[in-house]
Amino acid sequence: MPRLCDLHRPSAVLGSAEWAFACHVDGRATVGELTAASGVTLHDAIELVTRLIRAGLCTIIAVAAPALADGKPAGGAAPPLPRRVRQAVPSVADSLPARPDPGLLRQILDGLNSLK
């Protein structure tokens, strides 16, 4: 969750969009909730939070998952993220025959010569 923080430099310059968005940052709302409160898209909210962080006016605070009575996180453990499997991409050279057929080459050459 983003929250505003004390400025650690003499000044910061904010545009009107950053200023309007910063007015909604309270340290309790998630970026998703800030999109609804401020009326910006999720992409724009992420960009605005990034600009506020770079200006030194905002930081991200970690939020613990809500715990159940047994002390385990609600919903159980998060599933592992999918991993990208890199597959070899066949090149064009792999799909060409090792040696061209001489008869086919002769037909192509004869056809090209007939165009003259």
Protein backbone atom coordinates (compact mmCIF):
# COMPACT_ATOMS: atom_id res chain seq x y z
CA MET A 1 0.00 0.00 0.00
CA PRO A 2 1.28 3.44 -0.82
CA ARG A 3 1.53 6.01 1.92
CA LEU A 4 2.80 9.56 1.93
CA CYS A 5 6.05 10.25 3.75
CA ASP A 6 8.07 13.25 4.86
CA LEU A 7 10.04 14.92 2.13
CA HIS A 8 13.77 14.39 2.69
CA ARG A 9 14.90 17.12 0.31
CA PRO A 10 14.25 20.85 0.05
CA SER A 11 11.38 20.61 -2.44
CA ALA A 12 9.47 18.46 -4.90
CA VAL A 13 7.62 19.45 -8.03
CA LEU A 14 4.23 17.85 -8.63
CA GLY A 15 1.90 18.24 -11.54
CA SER A 16 -1.83 18.60 -11.02
CA ALA A 17 -2.42 14.88 -11.68
CA GLU A 18 0.13 13.83 -9.06
CA TRP A 19 -1.21 16.34 -6.54
CA ALA A 20 -4.84 15.23 -7.06
CA PHE A 21 -3.83 11.58 -6.71
CA ALA A 22 -1.67 12.24 -3.62
CA CYS A 23 -4.73 13.68 -1.87
CA HIS A 24 -6.24 10.16 -1.88
CA VAL A 25 -3.15 8.35 -0.58
CA ASP A 26 -3.81 7.63 3.09
CA GLY A 27 -1.60 4.61 3.84
CA ARG A 28 -4.62 2.31 4.17
CA ALA A 29 -5.92 2.10 0.59
CA THR A 30 -4.37 -0.26 -1.93
CA VAL A 31 -3.48 0.97 -5.39
CA GLY A 32 -6.62 -0.76 -6.65
CA GLU A 33 -8.75 1.12 -4.13
CA LEU A 34 -7.01 4.37 -5.04
CA THR A 35 -8.05 3.91 -8.67
CA ALA A 36 -11.71 3.95 -7.64
CA ALA A 37 -11.25 6.87 -5.25
CA SER A 38 -9.32 9.01 -7.72
CA GLY A 39 -11.06 7.96 -10.93
CA VAL A 40 -7.88 6.95 -12.77
CA THR A 41 -7.08 3.67 -14.46
CA LEU A 42 -4.93 1.07 -12.71
CA HIS A 43 -2.09 1.76 -15.14
CA ASP A 44 -2.26 5.51 -14.44
CA ALA A 45 -2.43 4.89 -10.68
CA ILE A 46 0.74 2.80 -10.83
CA GLU A 47 2.45 5.53 -12.87
CA LEU A 48 1.32 8.20 -10.39
CA VAL A 49 2.53 6.20 -7.38
CA THR A 50 5.87 5.73 -9.16
CA ARG A 51 6.16 9.48 -9.76
CA LEU A 52 5.34 10.20 -6.12
CA ILE A 53 7.98 7.70 -4.98
CA ARG A 54 10.58 9.25 -7.30
CA ALA A 55 9.68 12.70 -5.96
CA GLY A 56 10.34 11.38 -2.44
CA LEU A 57 6.76 11.91 -1.26
CA CYS A 58 5.52 8.33 -1.12
CA THR A 59 6.66 4.92 -0.04
CA ILE A 60 5.17 1.44 -0.27
CA ILE A 61 4.34 -0.35 2.96
CA ALA A 62 4.00 -4.11 3.19
CA VAL A 63 0.68 -5.46 4.37
CA ALA A 64 0.45 -8.76 6.18
CA ALA A 65 -2.20 -11.17 4.99
CA PRO A 66 -5.14 -11.45 7.38
CA ALA A 67 -4.72 -14.44 9.67
CA LEU A 68 -7.37 -16.94 10.69
CA ALA A 69 -7.92 -18.17 14.23
CA ASP A 70 -5.30 -20.90 13.74
CA GLY A 71 -2.69 -18.27 12.79
CA LYS A 72 -2.42 -19.33 9.14
CA PRO A 73 -2.99 -16.79 6.34
CA ALA A 74 -6.53 -16.58 4.99
CA GLY A 75 -6.97 -18.64 1.85
CA GLY A 76 -3.95 -20.82 2.56
CA ALA A 77 -0.60 -20.42 0.94
CA ALA A 78 -0.49 -18.56 -2.31
CA PRO A 79 -0.02 -20.83 -5.32
CA PRO A 80 3.41 -20.63 -6.95
CA LEU A 81 3.71 -18.28 -9.87
CA PRO A 82 3.90 -19.91 -13.28
CA ARG A 83 7.36 -20.13 -14.77
CA ARG A 84 8.08 -19.22 -18.35
CA VAL A 85 9.48 -22.15 -20.27
CA ARG A 86 11.89 -21.10 -22.95
CA GLN A 87 11.49 -23.23 -26.01
CA ALA A 88 13.90 -23.33 -28.90
CA VAL A 89 12.45 -21.48 -31.87
CA PRO A 90 13.22 -23.27 -35.11
CA SER A 91 15.02 -21.11 -37.63
CA VAL A 92 14.12 -20.88 -41.29
CA ALA A 93 17.36 -22.66 -42.14
CA ASP A 94 16.16 -25.69 -40.14
CA SER A 95 13.12 -26.08 -42.37
CA LEU A 96 15.02 -25.89 -45.69
CA PRO A 97 16.27 -29.05 -47.38
CA ALA A 98 19.99 -29.67 -47.02
CA ARG A 99 20.52 -29.66 -50.81
CA PRO A 100 18.10 -28.15 -53.31
CA ASP A 101 16.67 -30.45 -55.95
CA PRO A 102 18.56 -29.82 -59.21
CA GLY A 103 15.46 -30.57 -61.28
CA LEU A 104 13.44 -27.96 -59.40
CA LEU A 105 16.22 -25.40 -59.78
CA ARG A 106 16.32 -26.09 -63.54
CA GLN A 107 12.53 -25.52 -63.80
CA ILE A 108 12.82 -22.23 -61.93
CA LEU A 109 15.72 -21.07 -64.10
CA ASP A 110 13.90 -22.04 -67.30
CA GLY A 111 10.80 -20.17 -66.13
CA LEU A 112 12.82 -17.06 -65.35
CA ASN A 113 14.58 -17.23 -68.73
CA SER A 114 11.26 -17.45 -70.52
CA LEU A 115 10.25 -14.09 -69.02
CA LYS A 116 12.94 -12.26 -71.02
